C-alpha cells in the first residue's frame, strides 16, 4: 500500500542523514497516516488520512 494521504496527497519526503563527519546516507520522512472510518460520498469507507487532515476536520468521521 502506498503511504499517501487520500485527502491531501501528502507523501514521504526524502533527504539525507548527515553525520558529524559529514557522511550522507539517504533517509525518508513518513507522513503520520492513520486508518479512519470516514464518510466518502455518503458511504462509510476506511481510508488512510494524515493527522493534519483529521485535526483540521477535512473528513467527516463515521
Protein backbone atom coordinates (compact mmCIF):
# COMPACT_ATOMS: atom_id res chain seq x y z
CA UNK A 1 0.00 0.00 0.00
CA UNK A 2 1.19 3.49 -0.77
CA UNK A 3 1.98 5.81 2.11
CA UNK A 4 -0.13 8.66 0.75
CA UNK A 5 -2.91 10.65 2.41
CA UNK A 6 -6.10 10.11 0.44
CA UNK A 7 -7.35 13.64 1.23
CA UNK A 8 -4.40 16.00 0.72
CA UNK A 9 -1.98 13.71 -1.15
CA UNK A 10 0.85 14.05 1.36
CA UNK A 11 3.69 11.58 0.57
CA UNK A 12 7.04 10.62 2.11
CA UNK A 13 9.78 13.22 1.75
CA UNK A 14 13.38 12.27 1.00
CA UNK A 15 16.65 13.67 2.26
CA UNK A 16 19.94 12.76 3.92
CA UNK A 17 21.12 11.66 7.33
CA UNK A 18 24.22 13.77 7.93
CA UNK A 19 26.73 12.50 10.47
CA UNK A 20 29.22 14.59 12.44
CA UNK A 21 31.86 13.52 9.88
CA UNK A 22 29.51 14.81 7.13
CA UNK A 23 28.80 11.32 5.79
CA UNK A 24 25.48 11.32 3.97
CA UNK A 25 23.05 8.42 3.67
CA UNK A 26 19.56 8.58 2.22
CA UNK A 27 16.54 8.63 4.54
CA UNK A 28 12.85 9.42 4.32
CA UNK A 29 10.28 11.19 6.46
CA UNK A 30 6.99 9.32 6.54
CA UNK A 31 3.67 11.17 6.93
CA UNK A 32 1.72 10.28 10.07
CA UNK A 33 -1.09 8.27 8.45
CA UNK A 34 -4.00 6.71 10.31
CA UNK A 35 -6.68 4.34 9.02
CA UNK A 36 -10.01 6.04 9.70
CA UNK A 37 -13.64 5.13 9.05
CA UNK A 38 -14.98 8.19 7.25
CA UNK A 39 -17.96 9.15 5.15
CA UNK A 40 -16.98 9.41 1.48
CA UNK A 41 -19.78 10.40 -0.90
CA UNK A 42 -22.39 9.31 1.65
CA UNK A 43 -20.90 5.83 2.21
CA UNK A 44 -18.65 4.72 5.04
CA UNK A 45 -15.15 3.69 3.97
CA UNK A 46 -11.80 3.02 5.60
CA UNK A 47 -9.26 5.50 4.26
CA UNK A 48 -5.68 6.44 5.07
CA UNK A 49 -5.58 10.04 6.29
CA UNK A 50 -2.76 12.15 7.73
CA UNK A 51 -3.26 13.54 11.22
CA UNK A 52 -3.28 17.13 9.93
CA UNK A 53 -6.41 16.36 7.87
CA UNK A 54 -8.04 14.67 10.87
CA UNK A 55 -7.33 17.62 13.17
CA UNK A 56 -8.49 20.24 10.66
CA UNK A 57 -11.84 18.42 10.11
CA UNK A 58 -11.30 17.82 6.40
CA UNK A 59 -13.03 14.47 6.86
CA UNK A 60 -16.30 13.51 8.49
CA UNK A 61 -15.75 10.54 10.78
CA UNK A 62 -18.32 7.75 10.71
